[in-house]
Amino acid sequence: MELYLISIVRALVEVAGLALLGQGLLAVLAGKYRQQNIFYKLFQVITAPVVRAVRFISPRVILDAHIPFLTFFLLAWLWIGLAAAKQYLLAI
């Protein structure tokens, strides 16, 4: 049961991380017209809950422009941690 739960959470972390990565790439490619791009808006809808959660837990000293970067790195560490937990459960 724990292995199944870890797999589900890891998949959700992967979706959020890849959506953030796609959003960042589209921001670079589309430039100032990114807000008019339908796929950029779709990525924003997918990543908004995670970005809001990181904004809530992060100190106010961190600028709002840096929150997506922080979110991506926190998701990456969470993904690695979940992989380690999965490996631990498989070794038992």
PDB file of N, CA and C in Angstrom:
ATOM      1  N   MET A   1       0.818  -1.193   0.000  1.00  0.00           N
ATOM      2  CA  MET A   1       0.000   0.000   0.000  1.00  0.00           C
ATOM      3  C   MET A   1       0.867   1.266   0.000  1.00  0.00           C
ATOM      4  N   GLU A   2       1.950   1.269   0.812  1.00  0.00           N
ATOM      5  CA  GLU A   2       2.818   2.442   0.870  1.00  0.00           C
ATOM      6  C   GLU A   2       3.527   2.670  -0.458  1.00  0.00           C
ATOM      7  N   LEU A   3       3.920   1.575  -1.101  1.00  0.00           N
ATOM      8  CA  LEU A   3       4.593   1.678  -2.390  1.00  0.00           C
ATOM      9  C   LEU A   3       3.674   2.306  -3.436  1.00  0.00           C
ATOM     10  N   TYR A   4       2.415   1.922  -3.408  1.00  0.00           N
ATOM     11  CA  TYR A   4       1.428   2.481  -4.330  1.00  0.00           C
ATOM     12  C   TYR A   4       1.238   3.976  -4.073  1.00  0.00           C
ATOM     13  N   LEU A   5       1.149   4.364  -2.814  1.00  0.00           N
ATOM     14  CA  LEU A   5       0.970   5.771  -2.455  1.00  0.00           C
ATOM     15  C   LEU A   5       2.184   6.603  -2.869  1.00  0.00           C
ATOM     16  N   ILE A   6       3.384   6.078  -2.634  1.00  0.00           N
ATOM     17  CA  ILE A   6       4.598   6.791  -3.036  1.00  0.00           C
ATOM     18  C   ILE A   6       4.652   6.934  -4.551  1.00  0.00           C
ATOM     19  N   SER A   7       4.247   5.913  -5.272  1.00  0.00           N
ATOM     20  CA  SER A   7       4.245   5.982  -6.734  1.00  0.00           C
ATOM     21  C   SER A   7       3.277   7.047  -7.247  1.00  0.00           C
ATOM     22  N   ILE A   8       2.123   7.148  -6.613  1.00  0.00           N
ATOM     23  CA  ILE A   8       1.140   8.161  -7.016  1.00  0.00           C
ATOM     24  C   ILE A   8       1.673   9.567  -6.745  1.00  0.00           C
ATOM     25  N   VAL A   9       2.210   9.789  -5.561  1.00  0.00           N
ATOM     26  CA  VAL A   9       2.738  11.120  -5.213  1.00  0.00           C
ATOM     27  C   VAL A   9       3.909  11.468  -6.121  1.00  0.00           C
ATOM     28  N   ARG A  10       4.755  10.479  -6.408  1.00  0.00           N
ATOM     29  CA  ARG A  10       5.905  10.735  -7.288  1.00  0.00           C
ATOM     30  C   ARG A  10       5.435  11.117  -8.697  1.00  0.00           C
ATOM     31  N   ALA A  11       4.389  10.464  -9.183  1.00  0.00           N
ATOM     32  CA  ALA A  11       3.851  10.808 -10.501  1.00  0.00           C
ATOM     33  C   ALA A  11       3.291  12.230 -10.515  1.00  0.00           C
ATOM     34  N   LEU A  12       2.612  12.625  -9.445  1.00  0.00           N
ATOM     35  CA  LEU A  12       2.088  13.995  -9.367  1.00  0.00           C
ATOM     36  C   LEU A  12       3.216  15.019  -9.312  1.00  0.00           C
ATOM     37  N   VAL A  13       4.289  14.695  -8.597  1.00  0.00           N
ATOM     38  CA  VAL A  13       5.450  15.581  -8.537  1.00  0.00           C
ATOM     39  C   VAL A  13       6.090  15.695  -9.921  1.00  0.00           C
ATOM     40  N   GLU A  14       6.146  14.577 -10.656  1.00  0.00           N
ATOM     41  CA  GLU A  14       6.705  14.610 -12.012  1.00  0.00           C
ATOM     42  C   GLU A  14       5.873  15.497 -12.932  1.00  0.00           C
ATOM     43  N   VAL A  15       4.564  15.378 -12.849  1.00  0.00           N
ATOM     44  CA  VAL A  15       3.687  16.200 -13.698  1.00  0.00           C
ATOM     45  C   VAL A  15       3.888  17.680 -13.386  1.00  0.00           C
ATOM     46  N   ALA A  16       3.905  18.027 -12.100  1.00  0.00           N
ATOM     47  CA  ALA A  16       4.093  19.431 -11.721  1.00  0.00           C
ATOM     48  C   ALA A  16       5.468  19.939 -12.141  1.00  0.00           C
ATOM     49  N   GLY A  17       6.499  19.125 -11.961  1.00  0.00           N
ATOM     50  CA  GLY A  17       7.848  19.540 -12.342  1.00  0.00           C
ATOM     51  C   GLY A  17       8.006  19.721 -13.835  1.00  0.00           C
ATOM     52  N   LEU A  18       7.461  18.794 -14.593  1.00  0.00           N
ATOM     53  CA  LEU A  18       7.555  18.925 -16.055  1.00  0.00           C
ATOM     54  C   LEU A  18       6.715  20.084 -16.565  1.00  0.00           C
ATOM     55  N   ALA A  19       5.587  20.350 -15.917  1.00  0.00           N
ATOM     56  CA  ALA A  19       4.781  21.510 -16.310  1.00  0.00           C
ATOM     57  C   ALA A  19       5.527  22.809 -16.014  1.00  0.00           C
ATOM     58  N   LEU A  20       6.215  22.868 -14.886  1.00  0.00           N
ATOM     59  CA  LEU A  20       7.030  24.054 -14.586  1.00  0.00           C
ATOM     60  C   LEU A  20       8.162  24.217 -15.586  1.00  0.00           C
ATOM     61  N   LEU A  21       8.777  23.112 -15.952  1.00  0.00           N
ATOM     62  CA  LEU A  21       9.847  23.159 -16.949  1.00  0.00           C
ATOM     63  C   LEU A  21       9.306  23.637 -18.301  1.00  0.00           C
ATOM     64  N   GLY A  22       8.162  23.114 -18.706  1.00  0.00           N
ATOM     65  CA  GLY A  22       7.540  23.552 -19.958  1.00  0.00           C
ATOM     66  C   GLY A  22       7.144  25.007 -19.922  1.00  0.00           C
ATOM     67  N   GLN A  23       6.631  25.434 -18.791  1.00  0.00           N
ATOM     68  CA  GLN A  23       6.250  26.848 -18.643  1.00  0.00           C
ATOM     69  C   GLN A  23       7.469  27.743 -18.757  1.00  0.00           C
ATOM     70  N   GLY A  24       8.567  27.333 -18.160  1.00  0.00           N
ATOM     71  CA  GLY A  24       9.795  28.117 -18.252  1.00  0.00           C
ATOM     72  C   GLY A  24      10.332  28.182 -19.666  1.00  0.00           C
ATOM     73  N   LEU A  25      10.312  27.053 -20.361  1.00  0.00           N
ATOM     74  CA  LEU A  25      10.776  27.046 -21.751  1.00  0.00           C
ATOM     75  C   LEU A  25       9.896  27.918 -22.637  1.00  0.00           C
ATOM     76  N   LEU A  26       8.591  27.848 -22.430  1.00  0.00           N
ATOM     77  CA  LEU A  26       7.692  28.711 -23.213  1.00  0.00           C
ATOM     78  C   LEU A  26       7.900  30.184 -22.874  1.00  0.00           C
ATOM     79  N   ALA A  27       8.204  30.484 -21.635  1.00  0.00           N
ATOM     80  CA  ALA A  27       8.463  31.875 -21.259  1.00  0.00           C
ATOM     81  C   ALA A  27       9.682  32.404 -21.995  1.00  0.00           C
ATOM     82  N   VAL A  28      10.690  31.556 -22.148  1.00  0.00           N
ATOM     83  CA  VAL A  28      11.900  31.972 -22.870  1.00  0.00           C
ATOM     84  C   VAL A  28      11.604  32.117 -24.361  1.00  0.00           C
ATOM     85  N   LEU A  29      10.881  31.158 -24.923  1.00  0.00           N
ATOM     86  CA  LEU A  29      10.624  31.175 -26.363  1.00  0.00           C
ATOM     87  C   LEU A  29       9.618  32.246 -26.776  1.00  0.00           C
ATOM     88  N   ALA A  30       8.566  32.418 -25.995  1.00  0.00           N
ATOM     89  CA  ALA A  30       7.510  33.357 -26.379  1.00  0.00           C
ATOM     90  C   ALA A  30       7.823  34.792 -25.959  1.00  0.00           C
ATOM     91  N   GLY A  31       8.695  34.960 -24.976  1.00  0.00           N
ATOM     92  CA  GLY A  31       9.059  36.309 -24.549  1.00  0.00           C
ATOM     93  C   GLY A  31       7.899  37.056 -23.933  1.00  0.00           C
ATOM     94  N   LYS A  32       7.727  38.298 -24.349  1.00  0.00           N
ATOM     95  CA  LYS A  32       6.689  39.128 -23.734  1.00  0.00           C
ATOM     96  C   LYS A  32       5.281  38.718 -24.148  1.00  0.00           C
ATOM     97  N   TYR A  33       5.147  37.857 -25.169  1.00  0.00           N
ATOM     98  CA  TYR A  33       3.834  37.399 -25.621  1.00  0.00           C
ATOM     99  C   TYR A  33       3.403  36.094 -24.960  1.00  0.00           C
ATOM    100  N   ARG A  34       4.111  35.689 -23.917  1.00  0.00           N
ATOM    101  CA  ARG A  34       3.816  34.397 -23.295  1.00  0.00           C
ATOM    102  C   ARG A  34       2.422  34.360 -22.675  1.00  0.00           C
ATOM    103  N   GLN A  35       1.911  35.489 -22.186  1.00  0.00           N
ATOM    104  CA  GLN A  35       0.579  35.498 -21.567  1.00  0.00           C
ATOM    105  C   GLN A  35      -0.527  35.269 -22.592  1.00  0.00           C
ATOM    106  N   GLN A  36      -0.228  35.417 -23.867  1.00  0.00           N
ATOM    107  CA  GLN A  36      -1.215  35.165 -24.914  1.00  0.00           C
ATOM    108  C   GLN A  36      -1.154  33.730 -25.427  1.00  0.00           C
ATOM    109  N   ASN A  37      -0.161  32.972 -25.002  1.00  0.00           N
ATOM    110  CA  ASN A  37       0.029  31.602 -25.466  1.00  0.00           C
ATOM    111  C   ASN A  37      -0.881  30.669 -24.670  1.00  0.00           C
ATOM    112  N   ILE A  38      -1.690  29.880 -25.376  1.00  0.00           N
ATOM    113  CA  ILE A  38      -2.653  28.987 -24.727  1.00  0.00           C
ATOM    114  C   ILE A  38      -1.954  27.901 -23.920  1.00  0.00           C
ATOM    115  N   PHE A  39      -0.822  27.411 -24.395  1.00  0.00           N
ATOM    116  CA  PHE A  39      -0.111  26.362 -23.668  1.00  0.00           C
ATOM    117  C   PHE A  39       0.562  26.900 -22.406  1.00  0.00           C
ATOM    118  N   TYR A  40       1.014  28.136 -22.458  1.00  0.00           N
ATOM    119  CA  TYR A  40       1.576  28.774 -21.274  1.00  0.00           C
ATOM    120  C   TYR A  40       0.496  28.899 -20.201  1.00  0.00           C
ATOM    121  N   LYS A  41      -0.693  29.298 -20.611  1.00  0.00           N
ATOM    122  CA  LYS A  41      -1.806  29.414 -19.668  1.00  0.00           C
ATOM    123  C   LYS A  41      -2.180  28.049 -19.094  1.00  0.00           C
ATOM    124  N   LEU A  42      -2.135  27.010 -19.920  1.00  0.00           N
ATOM    125  CA  LEU A  42      -2.420  25.661 -19.450  1.00  0.00           C
ATOM    126  C   LEU A  42      -1.398  25.225 -18.405  1.00  0.00           C
ATOM    127  N   PHE A  43      -0.125  25.495 -18.662  1.00  0.00           N
ATOM    128  CA  PHE A  43       0.917  25.176 -17.689  1.00  0.00           C
ATOM    129  C   PHE A  43       0.728  25.974 -16.399  1.00  0.00           C
ATOM    130  N   GLN A  44       0.276  27.212 -16.515  1.00  0.00           N
ATOM    131  CA  GLN A  44       0.019  28.022 -15.319  1.00  0.00           C
ATOM    132  C   GLN A  44      -1.096  27.416 -14.479  1.00  0.00           C
ATOM    133  N   VAL A  45      -2.127  26.908 -15.126  1.00  0.00           N
ATOM    134  CA  VAL A  45      -3.227  26.285 -14.392  1.00  0.00           C
ATOM    135  C   VAL A  45      -2.742  25.038 -13.666  1.00  0.00           C
ATOM    136  N   ILE A  46      -1.890  24.266 -14.313  1.00  0.00           N
ATOM    137  CA  ILE A  46      -1.379  23.029 -13.710  1.00  0.00           C
ATOM    138  C   ILE A  46      -0.457  23.337 -12.530  1.00  0.00           C
ATOM    139  N   THR A  47       0.377  24.341 -12.671  1.00  0.00           N
ATOM    140  CA  THR A  47       1.395  24.612 -11.645  1.00  0.00           C
ATOM    141  C   THR A  47       0.944  25.589 -10.566  1.00  0.00           C
ATOM    142  N   ALA A  48      -0.159  26.266 -10.750  1.00  0.00           N
ATOM    143  CA  ALA A  48      -0.585  27.295  -9.796  1.00  0.00           C
ATOM    144  C   ALA A  48      -0.728  26.785  -8.361  1.00  0.00           C
ATOM    145  N   PRO A  49      -1.338  25.623  -8.116  1.00  0.00           N
ATOM    146  CA  PRO A  49      -1.455  25.181  -6.714  1.00  0.00           C
ATOM    147  C   PRO A  49      -0.100  24.932  -6.046  1.00  0.00           C
ATOM    148  N   VAL A  50       0.838  24.382  -6.782  1.00  0.00           N
ATOM    149  CA  VAL A  50       2.153  24.085  -6.217  1.00  0.00           C
ATOM    150  C   VAL A  50       2.922  25.383  -5.958  1.00  0.00           C
ATOM    151  N   VAL A  51       2.853  26.303  -6.894  1.00  0.00           N
ATOM    152  CA  VAL A  51       3.553  27.586  -6.736  1.00  0.00           C
ATOM    153  C   VAL A  51       2.960  28.367  -5.563  1.00  0.00           C
ATOM    154  N   ARG A  52       1.635  28.343  -5.414  1.00  0.00           N
ATOM    155  CA  ARG A  52       1.000  29.024  -4.277  1.00  0.00           C
ATOM    156  C   ARG A  52       1.413  28.392  -2.950  1.00  0.00           C
ATOM    157  N   ALA A  53       1.520  27.069  -2.923  1.00  0.00           N
ATOM    158  CA  ALA A  53       1.928  26.384  -1.694  1.00  0.00           C
ATOM    159  C   ALA A  53       3.362  26.758  -1.316  1.00  0.00           C
ATOM    160  N   VAL A  54       4.241  26.830  -2.308  1.00  0.00           N
ATOM    161  CA  VAL A  54       5.630  27.211  -2.021  1.00  0.00           C
ATOM    162  C   VAL A  54       5.696  28.671  -1.580  1.00  0.00           C
ATOM    163  N   ARG A  55       4.883  29.515  -2.179  1.00  0.00           N
ATOM    164  CA  ARG A  55       4.847  30.928  -1.748  1.00  0.00           C
ATOM    165  C   ARG A  55       4.393  31.022  -0.302  1.00  0.00           C
ATOM    166  N   PHE A  56       3.455  30.170   0.089  1.00  0.00           N
ATOM    167  CA  PHE A  56       2.924  30.185   1.447  1.00  0.00           C
ATOM    168  C   PHE A  56       3.975  29.751   2.461  1.00  0.00           C
ATOM    169  N   ILE A  57       4.784  28.745   2.128  1.00  0.00           N
ATOM    170  CA  ILE A  57       5.759  28.229   3.095  1.00  0.00           C
ATOM    171  C   ILE A  57       7.103  28.954   3.049  1.00  0.00           C
ATOM    172  N   SER A  58       7.343  29.723   2.000  1.00  0.00           N
ATOM    173  CA  SER A  58       8.636  30.402   1.886  1.00  0.00           C
ATOM    174  C   SER A  58       8.596  31.747   2.612  1.00  0.00           C
ATOM    175  N   PRO A  59       9.757  32.201   3.079  1.00  0.00           N
ATOM    176  CA  PRO A  59       9.800  33.504   3.746  1.00  0.00           C
ATOM    177  C   PRO A  59       9.514  34.649   2.768  1.00  0.00           C
ATOM    178  N   ARG A  60       9.011  35.740   3.284  1.00  0.00           N
ATOM    179  CA  ARG A  60       8.654  36.890   2.447  1.00  0.00           C
ATOM    180  C   ARG A  60       9.876  37.573   1.835  1.00  0.00           C
ATOM    181  N   VAL A  61      11.066  37.247   2.305  1.00  0.00           N
ATOM    182  CA  VAL A  61      12.291  37.832   1.768  1.00  0.00           C
ATOM    183  C   VAL A  61      12.507  37.384   0.325  1.00  0.00           C
ATOM    184  N   ILE A  62      12.029  36.200  -0.006  1.00  0.00           N
ATOM    185  CA  ILE A  62      12.189  35.673  -1.364  1.00  0.00           C
ATOM    186  C   ILE A  62      11.231  36.404  -2.295  1.00  0.00           C
ATOM    187  N   LEU A  63      11.757  36.907  -3.386  1.00  0.00           N
ATOM    188  CA  LEU A  63      10.948  37.651  -4.347  1.00  0.00           C
ATOM    189  C   LEU A  63       9.956  36.730  -5.053  1.00  0.00           C
ATOM    190  N   ASP A  64       8.814  37.291  -5.440  1.00  0.00           N
ATOM    191  CA  ASP A  64       7.805  36.507  -6.149  1.00  0.00           C
ATOM    192  C   ASP A  64       8.328  35.963  -7.476  1.00  0.00           C
ATOM    193  N   ALA A  65       9.238  36.682  -8.104  1.00  0.00           N
ATOM    194  CA  ALA A  65       9.796  36.225  -9.378  1.00  0.00           C
ATOM    195  C   ALA A  65      10.647  34.976  -9.209  1.00  0.00           C
ATOM    196  N   HIS A  66      11.143  34.723  -8.003  1.00  0.00           N
ATOM    197  CA  HIS A  66      12.000  33.564  -7.758  1.00  0.00           C
ATOM    198  C   HIS A  66      11.236  32.333  -7.291  1.00  0.00           C
ATOM    199  N   ILE A  67       9.973  32.483  -6.977  1.00  0.00           N
ATOM    200  CA  ILE A  67       9.174  31.376  -6.445  1.00  0.00           C
ATOM    201  C   ILE A  67       9.069  30.206  -7.431  1.00  0.00           C
ATOM    202  N   PRO A  68       8.864  30.423  -8.735  1.00  0.00           N
ATOM    203  CA  PRO A  68       8.830  29.260  -9.637  1.00  0.00           C
ATOM    204  C   PRO A  68      10.145  28.468  -9.654  1.00  0.00           C
ATOM    205  N   PHE A  69      11.285  29.155  -9.559  1.00  0.00           N
ATOM    206  CA  PHE A  69      12.568  28.450  -9.503  1.00  0.00           C
ATOM    207  C   PHE A  69      12.661  27.624  -8.220  1.00  0.00           C
ATOM    208  N   LEU A  70      12.289  28.229  -7.115  1.00  0.00           N
ATOM    209  CA  LEU A  70      12.308  27.528  -5.840  1.00  0.00           C
ATOM    210  C   LEU A  70      11.356  26.332  -5.878  1.00  0.00           C
ATOM    211  N   THR A  71      10.200  26.521  -6.479  1.00  0.00           N
ATOM    212  CA  THR A  71       9.233  25.432  -6.601  1.00  0.00           C
ATOM    213  C   THR A  71       9.819  24.273  -7.391  1.00  0.00           C
ATOM    214  N   PHE A  72      10.473  24.582  -8.501  1.00  0.00           N
ATOM    215  CA  PHE A  72      11.054  23.522  -9.322  1.00  0.00           C
ATOM    216  C   PHE A  72      12.116  22.746  -8.544  1.00  0.00           C
ATOM    217  N   PHE A  73      12.983  23.452  -7.837  1.00  0.00           N
ATOM    218  CA  PHE A  73      14.037  22.767  -7.095  1.00  0.00           C
ATOM    219  C   PHE A  73      13.486  21.976  -5.908  1.00  0.00           C
ATOM    220  N   LEU A  74      12.452  22.491  -5.256  1.00  0.00           N
ATOM    221  CA  LEU A  74      11.820  21.720  -4.184  1.00  0.00           C
ATOM    222  C   LEU A  74      11.145  20.466  -4.734  1.00  0.00           C
ATOM    223  N   LEU A  75      10.514  20.584  -5.889  1.00  0.00           N
ATOM    224  CA  LEU A  75       9.903  19.408  -6.513  1.00  0.00           C
ATOM    225  C   LEU A  75      10.959  18.397  -6.929  1.00  0.00           C
ATOM    226  N   ALA A  76      12.099  18.875  -7.404  1.00  0.00           N
ATOM    227  CA  ALA A  76      13.174  17.964  -7.792  1.00  0.00           C
ATOM    228  C   ALA A  76      13.685  17.195  -6.579  1.00  0.00           C
ATOM    229  N   TRP A  77      13.895  17.888  -5.454  1.00  0.00           N
ATOM    230  CA  TRP A  77      14.354  17.212  -4.238  1.00  0.00           C
ATOM    231  C   TRP A  77      13.294  16.264  -3.700  1.00  0.00           C
ATOM    232  N   LEU A  78      12.039  16.655  -3.790  1.00  0.00           N
ATOM    233  CA  LEU A  78      10.957  15.769  -3.357  1.00  0.00           C
ATOM    234  C   LEU A  78      10.906  14.522  -4.218  1.00  0.00           C
ATOM    235  N   TRP A  79      11.104  14.684  -5.514  1.00  0.00           N
ATOM    236  CA  TRP A  79      11.110  13.549  -6.442  1.00  0.00           C
ATOM    237  C   TRP A  79      12.251  12.587  -6.102  1.00  0.00           C
ATOM    238  N   ILE A  80      13.423  13.135  -5.806  1.00  0.00           N
ATOM    239  CA  ILE A  80      14.573  12.300  -5.426  1.00  0.00           C
ATOM    240  C   ILE A  80      14.290  11.595  -4.097  1.00  0.00           C
ATOM    241  N   GLY A  81      13.717  12.314  -3.141  1.00  0.00           N
ATOM    242  CA  GLY A  81      13.379  11.709  -1.858  1.00  0.00           C
ATOM    243  C   GLY A  81      12.358  10.595  -1.983  1.00  0.00           C
ATOM    244  N   LEU A  82      11.372  10.793  -2.845  1.00  0.00           N
ATOM    245  CA  LEU A  82      10.371   9.753  -3.071  1.00  0.00           C
ATOM    246  C   LEU A  82      10.974   8.545  -3.777  1.00  0.00           C
ATOM    247  N   ALA A  83      11.936   8.772  -4.654  1.00  0.00           N
ATOM    248  CA  ALA A  83      12.625   7.656  -5.302  1.00  0.00           C
ATOM    249  C   ALA A  83      13.402   6.849  -4.272  1.00  0.00           C
ATOM    250  N   ALA A  84      14.049   7.533  -3.346  1.00  0.00           N
ATOM    251  CA  ALA A  84      14.793   6.844  -2.289  1.00  0.00           C
ATOM    252  C   ALA A  84      13.844   6.064  -1.380  1.00  0.00           C
ATOM    253  N   ALA A  85      12.708   6.657  -1.057  1.00  0.00           N
ATOM    254  CA  ALA A  85      11.720   5.965  -0.229  1.00  0.00           C
ATOM    255  C   ALA A  85      11.177   4.732  -0.938  1.00  0.00           C
ATOM    256  N   LYS A  86      10.962   4.853  -2.231  1.00  0.00           N
ATOM    257  CA  LYS A  86      10.481   3.713  -3.011  1.00  0.00           C
ATOM    258  C   LYS A  86      11.519   2.593  -3.027  1.00  0.00           C
ATOM    259  N   GLN A  87      12.773   2.953  -3.210  1.00  0.00           N
ATOM    260  CA  GLN A  87      13.844   1.962  -3.196  1.00  0.00           C
ATOM    261  C   GLN A  87      13.938   1.296  -1.823  1.00  0.00           C
ATOM    262  N   TYR A  88      13.772   2.070  -0.776  1.00  0.00           N
ATOM    263  CA  TYR A  88      13.810   1.511   0.576  1.00  0.00           C
ATOM    264  C   TYR A  88      12.681   0.498   0.772  1.00  0.00           C
ATOM    265  N   LEU A  89      11.486   0.855   0.321  1.00  0.00           N
ATOM    266  CA  LEU A  89      10.351  -0.060   0.475  1.00  0.00           C
ATOM    267  C   LEU A  89      10.527  -1.318  -0.375  1.00  0.00           C
ATOM    268  N   LEU A  90      11.160  -1.195  -1.514  1.00  0.00           N
ATOM    269  CA  LEU A  90      11.386  -2.365  -2.352  1.00  0.00           C
ATOM    270  C   LEU A  90      12.458  -3.283  -1.753  1.00  0.00           C
ATOM    271  N   ALA A  91      13.368  -2.724  -0.976  1.00  0.00           N
ATOM    272  CA  ALA A  91      14.432  -3.516  -0.377  1.00  0.00           C
ATOM    273  C   ALA A  91      13.959  -4.300   0.844  1.00  0.00           C
ATOM    274  N   ILE A  92      12.867  -3.877   1.422  1.00  0.00           N
ATOM    275  CA  ILE A  92      12.365  -4.553   2.638  1.00  0.00           C
ATOM    276  C   ILE A  92      11.855  -5.933   2.319  1.00  0.00           C
TER     277      ILE A  92
END
